[in-house]
PDB file of all heavy atoms in Angstrom:
ATOM      1  N   ASP A   1     111.496 110.111  87.165  1.00  0.00           N
ATOM      2  CA  ASP A   1     112.559 109.290  87.681  1.00  0.00           C
ATOM      3  C   ASP A   1     113.862 109.809  87.110  1.00  0.00           C
ATOM      4  O   ASP A   1     113.989 109.948  85.875  1.00  0.00           O
ATOM      5  CB  ASP A   1     112.348 107.821  87.315  1.00  0.00           C
ATOM      6  CG  ASP A   1     111.170 107.203  88.084  1.00  0.00           C
ATOM      7  OD1 ASP A   1     111.014 107.538  89.264  1.00  0.00           O
ATOM      8  OD2 ASP A   1     110.444 106.400  87.487  1.00  0.00           O
ATOM      9  N   CYS A   2     114.835 110.070  87.960  1.00  0.00           N
ATOM     10  CA  CYS A   2     116.058 110.733  87.506  1.00  0.00           C
ATOM     11  C   CYS A   2     117.211 109.755  87.300  1.00  0.00           C
ATOM     12  O   CYS A   2     118.009 109.485  88.211  1.00  0.00           O
ATOM     13  CB  CYS A   2     116.472 111.788  88.528  1.00  0.00           C
ATOM     14  SG  CYS A   2     115.234 113.081  88.723  1.00  0.00           S
ATOM     15  N   SER A   3     117.301 109.213  86.106  1.00  0.00           N
ATOM     16  CA  SER A   3     118.439 108.402  85.722  1.00  0.00           C
ATOM     17  C   SER A   3     119.560 109.342  85.239  1.00  0.00           C
ATOM     18  O   SER A   3     119.323 110.522  85.002  1.00  0.00           O
ATOM     19  CB  SER A   3     118.065 107.458  84.589  1.00  0.00           C
ATOM     20  OG  SER A   3     117.709 108.232  83.430  1.00  0.00           O
ATOM     21  N   PRO A   4     120.818 108.841  85.133  1.00  0.00           N
ATOM     22  CA  PRO A   4     121.874 109.689  84.587  1.00  0.00           C
ATOM     23  C   PRO A   4     121.510 110.271  83.224  1.00  0.00           C
ATOM     24  O   PRO A   4     121.876 111.416  82.924  1.00  0.00           O
ATOM     25  CB  PRO A   4     123.069 108.725  84.498  1.00  0.00           C
ATOM     26  CG  PRO A   4     122.816 107.732  85.579  1.00  0.00           C
ATOM     27  CD  PRO A   4     121.319 107.532  85.607  1.00  0.00           C
ATOM     28  N   GLU A   5     120.767 109.488  82.415  1.00  0.00           N
ATOM     29  CA  GLU A   5     120.354 110.005  81.103  1.00  0.00           C
ATOM     30  C   GLU A   5     119.415 111.156  81.232  1.00  0.00           C
ATOM     31  O   GLU A   5     119.445 112.098  80.420  1.00  0.00           O
ATOM     32  CB  GLU A   5     119.689 108.874  80.310  1.00  0.00           C
ATOM     33  CG  GLU A   5     119.270 109.296  78.908  1.00  0.00           C
ATOM     34  CD  GLU A   5     118.597 108.194  78.123  1.00  0.00           C
ATOM     35  OE1 GLU A   5     119.226 107.141  77.932  1.00  0.00           O
ATOM     36  OE2 GLU A   5     117.423 108.372  77.733  1.00  0.00           O
ATOM     37  N   TYR A   6     118.553 111.134  82.251  1.00  0.00           N
ATOM     38  CA  TYR A   6     117.597 112.257  82.445  1.00  0.00           C
ATOM     39  C   TYR A   6     118.349 113.562  82.652  1.00  0.00           C
ATOM     40  O   TYR A   6     118.020 114.588  82.055  1.00  0.00           O
ATOM     41  CB  TYR A   6     116.698 111.988  83.648  1.00  0.00           C
ATOM     42  CG  TYR A   6     115.788 113.162  84.016  1.00  0.00           C
ATOM     43  CD1 TYR A   6     114.629 113.388  83.312  1.00  0.00           C
ATOM     44  CD2 TYR A   6     116.134 114.016  85.040  1.00  0.00           C
ATOM     45  CE1 TYR A   6     113.811 114.478  83.606  1.00  0.00           C
ATOM     46  CE2 TYR A   6     115.322 115.087  85.364  1.00  0.00           C
ATOM     47  CZ  TYR A   6     114.168 115.317  84.647  1.00  0.00           C
ATOM     48  OH  TYR A   6     113.373 116.397  84.955  1.00  0.00           O
ATOM     49  N   PHE A   7     119.389 113.550  83.490  1.00  0.00           N
ATOM     50  CA  PHE A   7     120.157 114.758  83.749  1.00  0.00           C
ATOM     51  C   PHE A   7     120.915 115.216  82.514  1.00  0.00           C
ATOM     52  O   PHE A   7     120.952 116.384  82.194  1.00  0.00           O
ATOM     53  CB  PHE A   7     121.144 114.514  84.892  1.00  0.00           C
ATOM     54  CG  PHE A   7     120.512 114.235  86.206  1.00  0.00           C
ATOM     55  CD1 PHE A   7     120.812 113.088  86.936  1.00  0.00           C
ATOM     56  CD2 PHE A   7     119.617 115.143  86.792  1.00  0.00           C
ATOM     57  CE1 PHE A   7     120.188 112.829  88.156  1.00  0.00           C
ATOM     58  CE2 PHE A   7     119.021 114.903  88.006  1.00  0.00           C
ATOM     59  CZ  PHE A   7     119.326 113.752  88.696  1.00  0.00           C
ATOM     60  N   GLU A   8     121.507 114.250  81.799  1.00  0.00           N
ATOM     61  CA  GLU A   8     122.273 114.607  80.609  1.00  0.00           C
ATOM     62  C   GLU A   8     121.363 115.156  79.512  1.00  0.00           C
ATOM     63  O   GLU A   8     121.686 116.127  78.813  1.00  0.00           O
ATOM     64  CB  GLU A   8     122.990 113.357  80.074  1.00  0.00           C
ATOM     65  CG  GLU A   8     124.085 113.667  79.048  1.00  0.00           C
ATOM     66  CD  GLU A   8     125.214 114.459  79.602  1.00  0.00           C
ATOM     67  OE1 GLU A   8     125.674 114.196  80.725  1.00  0.00           O
ATOM     68  OE2 GLU A   8     125.678 115.399  78.878  1.00  0.00           O
ATOM     69  N   ARG A   9     120.169 114.582  79.399  1.00  0.00           N
ATOM     70  CA  ARG A   9     119.210 115.056  78.416  1.00  0.00           C
ATOM     71  C   ARG A   9     118.758 116.464  78.732  1.00  0.00           C
ATOM     72  O   ARG A   9     118.543 117.283  77.827  1.00  0.00           O
ATOM     73  CB  ARG A   9     118.019 114.103  78.354  1.00  0.00           C
ATOM     74  CG  ARG A   9     116.973 114.427  77.292  1.00  0.00           C
ATOM     75  CD  ARG A   9     115.772 113.543  77.439  1.00  0.00           C
ATOM     76  NE  ARG A   9     116.124 112.148  77.151  1.00  0.00           N
ATOM     77  CZ  ARG A   9     116.052 111.629  75.917  1.00  0.00           C
ATOM     78  NH1 ARG A   9     115.681 112.369  74.908  1.00  0.00           N
ATOM     79  NH2 ARG A   9     116.392 110.351  75.746  1.00  0.00           N
ATOM     80  N   LEU A  10     118.604 116.757  80.046  1.00  0.00           N
ATOM     81  CA  LEU A  10     118.100 118.061  80.437  1.00  0.00           C
ATOM     82  C   LEU A  10     119.037 119.203  80.044  1.00  0.00           C
ATOM     83  O   LEU A  10     118.553 120.272  79.646  1.00  0.00           O
ATOM     84  CB  LEU A  10     117.883 118.068  81.967  1.00  0.00           C
ATOM     85  CG  LEU A  10     117.094 119.258  82.528  1.00  0.00           C
ATOM     86  CD1 LEU A  10     115.670 119.290  82.002  1.00  0.00           C
ATOM     87  CD2 LEU A  10     117.106 119.229  84.056  1.00  0.00           C
ATOM     88  N   ILE A  11     120.335 118.979  80.103  1.00  0.00           N
ATOM     89  CA  ILE A  11     121.279 120.063  79.801  1.00  0.00           C
ATOM     90  C   ILE A  11     121.771 120.015  78.356  1.00  0.00           C
ATOM     91  O   ILE A  11     122.531 120.870  77.933  1.00  0.00           O
ATOM     92  CB  ILE A  11     122.457 120.077  80.767  1.00  0.00           C
ATOM     93  CG1 ILE A  11     123.290 118.800  80.625  1.00  0.00           C
ATOM     94  CG2 ILE A  11     122.014 120.283  82.195  1.00  0.00           C
ATOM     95  CD1 ILE A  11     124.604 118.815  81.410  1.00  0.00           C
ATOM     96  N   TYR A  12     121.342 118.990  77.625  1.00  0.00           N
ATOM     97  CA  TYR A  12     121.812 118.875  76.228  1.00  0.00           C
ATOM     98  C   TYR A  12     121.265 120.043  75.399  1.00  0.00           C
ATOM     99  O   TYR A  12     120.101 120.388  75.476  1.00  0.00           O
ATOM    100  CB  TYR A  12     121.353 117.540  75.628  1.00  0.00           C
ATOM    101  CG  TYR A  12     121.877 117.302  74.232  1.00  0.00           C
ATOM    102  CD1 TYR A  12     123.152 116.790  74.030  1.00  0.00           C
ATOM    103  CD2 TYR A  12     121.140 117.652  73.115  1.00  0.00           C
ATOM    104  CE1 TYR A  12     123.663 116.581  72.763  1.00  0.00           C
ATOM    105  CE2 TYR A  12     121.630 117.456  71.840  1.00  0.00           C
ATOM    106  CZ  TYR A  12     122.898 116.929  71.675  1.00  0.00           C
ATOM    107  OH  TYR A  12     123.379 116.728  70.382  1.00  0.00           O
ATOM    108  N   LYS A  13     122.122 120.618  74.605  1.00  0.00           N
ATOM    109  CA  LYS A  13     121.725 121.748  73.751  1.00  0.00           C
ATOM    110  C   LYS A  13     121.710 121.273  72.299  1.00  0.00           C
ATOM    111  O   LYS A  13     122.763 121.074  71.694  1.00  0.00           O
ATOM    112  CB  LYS A  13     122.707 122.916  73.918  1.00  0.00           C
ATOM    113  CG  LYS A  13     122.700 123.511  75.312  1.00  0.00           C
ATOM    114  CD  LYS A  13     123.656 124.663  75.433  1.00  0.00           C
ATOM    115  CE  LYS A  13     123.614 125.251  76.849  1.00  0.00           C
ATOM    116  NZ  LYS A  13     124.580 126.373  76.985  1.00  0.00           N
ATOM    117  N   PRO A  14     120.507 121.156  71.705  1.00  0.00           N
ATOM    118  CA  PRO A  14     120.438 120.774  70.295  1.00  0.00           C
ATOM    119  C   PRO A  14     121.118 121.817  69.410  1.00  0.00           C
ATOM    120  O   PRO A  14     121.230 122.989  69.768  1.00  0.00           O
ATOM    121  CB  PRO A  14     118.911 120.739  70.021  1.00  0.00           C
ATOM    122  CG  PRO A  14     118.304 120.587  71.374  1.00  0.00           C
ATOM    123  CD  PRO A  14     119.178 121.319  72.320  1.00  0.00           C
ATOM    124  N   PHE A  15     121.584 121.368  68.237  1.00  0.00           N
ATOM    125  CA  PHE A  15     122.276 122.292  67.341  1.00  0.00           C
ATOM    126  C   PHE A  15     122.021 121.892  65.899  1.00  0.00           C
ATOM    127  O   PHE A  15     121.720 120.725  65.620  1.00  0.00           O
ATOM    128  CB  PHE A  15     123.802 122.324  67.628  1.00  0.00           C
ATOM    129  CG  PHE A  15     124.477 120.982  67.475  1.00  0.00           C
ATOM    130  CD1 PHE A  15     124.996 120.541  66.225  1.00  0.00           C
ATOM    131  CD2 PHE A  15     124.572 120.124  68.549  1.00  0.00           C
ATOM    132  CE1 PHE A  15     125.582 119.321  66.118  1.00  0.00           C
ATOM    133  CE2 PHE A  15     125.186 118.873  68.416  1.00  0.00           C
ATOM    134  CZ  PHE A  15     125.702 118.489  67.196  1.00  0.00           C
ATOM    135  N   PHE A  16     122.117 122.866  65.001  1.00  0.00           N
ATOM    136  CA  PHE A  16     121.930 122.591  63.593  1.00  0.00           C
ATOM    137  C   PHE A  16     123.229 122.017  63.028  1.00  0.00           C
ATOM    138  O   PHE A  16     124.323 122.517  63.262  1.00  0.00           O
ATOM    139  CB  PHE A  16     121.560 123.883  62.828  1.00  0.00           C
ATOM    140  CG  PHE A  16     120.151 124.333  63.074  1.00  0.00           C
ATOM    141  CD1 PHE A  16     119.921 125.458  63.840  1.00  0.00           C
ATOM    142  CD2 PHE A  16     119.076 123.626  62.541  1.00  0.00           C
ATOM    143  CE1 PHE A  16     118.609 125.878  64.068  1.00  0.00           C
ATOM    144  CE2 PHE A  16     117.782 124.060  62.782  1.00  0.00           C
ATOM    145  CZ  PHE A  16     117.549 125.175  63.542  1.00  0.00           C
ATOM    146  N   ILE A  17     123.082 120.942  62.271  1.00  0.00           N
ATOM    147  CA  ILE A  17     124.240 120.284  61.637  1.00  0.00           C
ATOM    148  C   ILE A  17     124.659 121.105  60.423  1.00  0.00           C
ATOM    149  O   ILE A  17     123.847 121.491  59.604  1.00  0.00           O
ATOM    150  CB  ILE A  17     123.851 118.857  61.213  1.00  0.00           C
ATOM    151  CG1 ILE A  17     123.539 117.993  62.445  1.00  0.00           C
ATOM    152  CG2 ILE A  17     124.985 118.224  60.433  1.00  0.00           C
ATOM    153  CD1 ILE A  17     122.977 116.641  62.121  1.00  0.00           C
ATOM    154  N   SER A  18     125.977 121.350  60.335  1.00  0.00           N
ATOM    155  CA  SER A  18     126.505 122.168  59.228  1.00  0.00           C
ATOM    156  C   SER A  18     127.360 121.343  58.280  1.00  0.00           C
ATOM    157  O   SER A  18     127.656 121.796  57.188  1.00  0.00           O
ATOM    158  CB  SER A  18     127.329 123.319  59.793  1.00  0.00           C
ATOM    159  OG  SER A  18     128.420 122.829  60.571  1.00  0.00           O
ATOM    160  N   LYS A  19     127.736 120.126  58.700  1.00  0.00           N
ATOM    161  CA  LYS A  19     128.529 119.272  57.837  1.00  0.00           C
ATOM    162  C   LYS A  19     127.631 118.395  56.987  1.00  0.00           C
ATOM    163  O   LYS A  19     126.581 117.938  57.433  1.00  0.00           O
ATOM    164  CB  LYS A  19     129.445 118.386  58.685  1.00  0.00           C
ATOM    165  CG  LYS A  19     130.486 119.156  59.456  1.00  0.00           C
ATOM    166  CD  LYS A  19     131.385 118.220  60.274  1.00  0.00           C
ATOM    167  CE  LYS A  19     132.415 119.001  61.065  1.00  0.00           C
ATOM    168  NZ  LYS A  19     133.269 118.064  61.880  1.00  0.00           N
ATOM    169  N   LYS A  20     128.064 118.142  55.761  1.00  0.00           N
ATOM    170  CA  LYS A  20     127.230 117.359  54.845  1.00  0.00           C
ATOM    171  C   LYS A  20     127.092 115.912  55.297  1.00  0.00           C
ATOM    172  O   LYS A  20     126.063 115.261  55.076  1.00  0.00           O
ATOM    173  CB  LYS A  20     127.833 117.388  53.438  1.00  0.00           C
ATOM    174  CG  LYS A  20     127.770 118.766  52.791  1.00  0.00           C
ATOM    175  CD  LYS A  20     128.352 118.781  51.381  1.00  0.00           C
ATOM    176  CE  LYS A  20     128.256 120.167  50.760  1.00  0.00           C
ATOM    177  NZ  LYS A  20     128.801 120.213  49.406  1.00  0.00           N
ATOM    178  N   VAL A  21     128.094 115.433  55.992  1.00  0.00           N
ATOM    179  CA  VAL A  21     128.038 114.094  56.602  1.00  0.00           C
ATOM    180  C   VAL A  21     128.403 114.255  58.078  1.00  0.00           C
ATOM    181  O   VAL A  21     129.486 114.747  58.401  1.00  0.00           O
ATOM    182  CB  VAL A  21     129.007 113.106  55.926  1.00  0.00           C
ATOM    183  CG1 VAL A  21     128.943 111.753  56.610  1.00  0.00           C
ATOM    184  CG2 VAL A  21     128.688 112.968  54.431  1.00  0.00           C
ATOM    185  N   TYR A  22     127.462 113.841  58.924  1.00  0.00           N
ATOM    186  CA  TYR A  22     127.699 113.969  60.374  1.00  0.00           C
ATOM    187  C   TYR A  22     127.030 112.785  61.067  1.00  0.00           C
ATOM    188  O   TYR A  22     125.769 112.680  61.094  1.00  0.00           O
ATOM    189  CB  TYR A  22     127.102 115.276  60.899  1.00  0.00           C
ATOM    190  CG  TYR A  22     127.356 115.530  62.375  1.00  0.00           C
ATOM    191  CD1 TYR A  22     128.553 116.122  62.811  1.00  0.00           C
ATOM    192  CD2 TYR A  22     126.421 115.149  63.336  1.00  0.00           C
ATOM    193  CE1 TYR A  22     128.777 116.349  64.159  1.00  0.00           C
ATOM    194  CE2 TYR A  22     126.647 115.378  64.673  1.00  0.00           C
ATOM    195  CZ  TYR A  22     127.820 115.963  65.082  1.00  0.00           C
ATOM    196  OH  TYR A  22     128.070 116.170  66.415  1.00  0.00           O
ATOM    197  N   GLY A  23     127.822 111.842  61.581  1.00  0.00           N
ATOM    198  CA  GLY A  23     127.244 110.642  62.186  1.00  0.00           C
ATOM    199  C   GLY A  23     126.449 109.860  61.138  1.00  0.00           C
ATOM    200  O   GLY A  23     126.971 109.542  60.056  1.00  0.00           O
ATOM    201  N   ASP A  24     125.210 109.578  61.442  1.00  0.00           N
ATOM    202  CA  ASP A  24     124.337 108.835  60.526  1.00  0.00           C
ATOM    203  C   ASP A  24     123.673 109.768  59.500  1.00  0.00           C
ATOM    204  O   ASP A  24     122.971 109.290  58.603  1.00  0.00           O
ATOM    205  CB  ASP A  24     123.250 108.074  61.308  1.00  0.00           C
ATOM    206  CG  ASP A  24     123.824 106.980  62.177  1.00  0.00           C
ATOM    207  OD1 ASP A  24     124.906 106.453  61.822  1.00  0.00           O
ATOM    208  OD2 ASP A  24     123.211 106.650  63.202  1.00  0.00           O
ATOM    209  N   PHE A  25     123.897 111.076  59.652  1.00  0.00           N
ATOM    210  CA  PHE A  25     123.263 112.033  58.731  1.00  0.00           C
ATOM    211  C   PHE A  25     124.137 112.230  57.488  1.00  0.00           C
ATOM    212  O   PHE A  25     125.344 112.393  57.581  1.00  0.00           O
ATOM    213  CB  PHE A  25     123.027 113.361  59.419  1.00  0.00           C
ATOM    214  CG  PHE A  25     122.586 114.456  58.489  1.00  0.00           C
ATOM    215  CD1 PHE A  25     121.290 114.540  58.066  1.00  0.00           C
ATOM    216  CD2 PHE A  25     123.517 115.393  58.052  1.00  0.00           C
ATOM    217  CE1 PHE A  25     120.883 115.546  57.186  1.00  0.00           C
ATOM    218  CE2 PHE A  25     123.120 116.417  57.193  1.00  0.00           C
ATOM    219  CZ  PHE A  25     121.806 116.503  56.749  1.00  0.00           C
ATOM    220  N   ASN A  26     123.457 112.215  56.315  1.00  0.00           N
ATOM    221  CA  ASN A  26     124.112 112.530  55.058  1.00  0.00           C
ATOM    222  C   ASN A  26     123.138 113.348  54.234  1.00  0.00           C
ATOM    223  O   ASN A  26     122.095 112.858  53.849  1.00  0.00           O
ATOM    224  CB  ASN A  26     124.508 111.238  54.307  1.00  0.00           C
ATOM    225  CG  ASN A  26     125.341 111.502  53.076  1.00  0.00           C
ATOM    226  OD1 ASN A  26     125.209 112.542  52.409  1.00  0.00           O
ATOM    227  ND2 ASN A  26     126.227 110.545  52.738  1.00  0.00           N
ATOM    228  N   ILE A  27     123.491 114.590  53.941  1.00  0.00           N
ATOM    229  CA  ILE A  27     122.564 115.476  53.263  1.00  0.00           C
ATOM    230  C   ILE A  27     122.186 114.956  51.876  1.00  0.00           C
ATOM    231  O   ILE A  27     121.057 115.130  51.427  1.00  0.00           O
ATOM    232  CB  ILE A  27     123.161 116.920  53.130  1.00  0.00           C
ATOM    233  CG1 ILE A  27     122.144 117.876  52.499  1.00  0.00           C
ATOM    234  CG2 ILE A  27     124.458 116.912  52.331  1.00  0.00           C
ATOM    235  CD1 ILE A  27     120.879 118.048  53.294  1.00  0.00           C
ATOM    236  N   ASP A  28     123.108 114.230  51.243  1.00  0.00           N
ATOM    237  CA  ASP A  28     122.813 113.683  49.915  1.00  0.00           C
ATOM    238  C   ASP A  28     121.833 112.523  49.959  1.00  0.00           C
ATOM    239  O   ASP A  28     121.336 112.098  48.902  1.00  0.00           O
ATOM    240  CB  ASP A  28     124.099 113.276  49.197  1.00  0.00           C
ATOM    241  CG  ASP A  28     124.971 114.497  48.855  1.00  0.00           C
ATOM    242  OD1 ASP A  28     124.393 115.519  48.438  1.00  0.00           O
ATOM    243  OD2 ASP A  28     126.186 114.405  49.010  1.00  0.00           O
TER     244      ASP A  28
END
């Protein structure tokens, strides 16, 4: 079933986080 999220998810390109704090991520 093709919701708008399905299309957005399909073209999303994952990436490695390089910042110590990024969104909810905190390396410490």
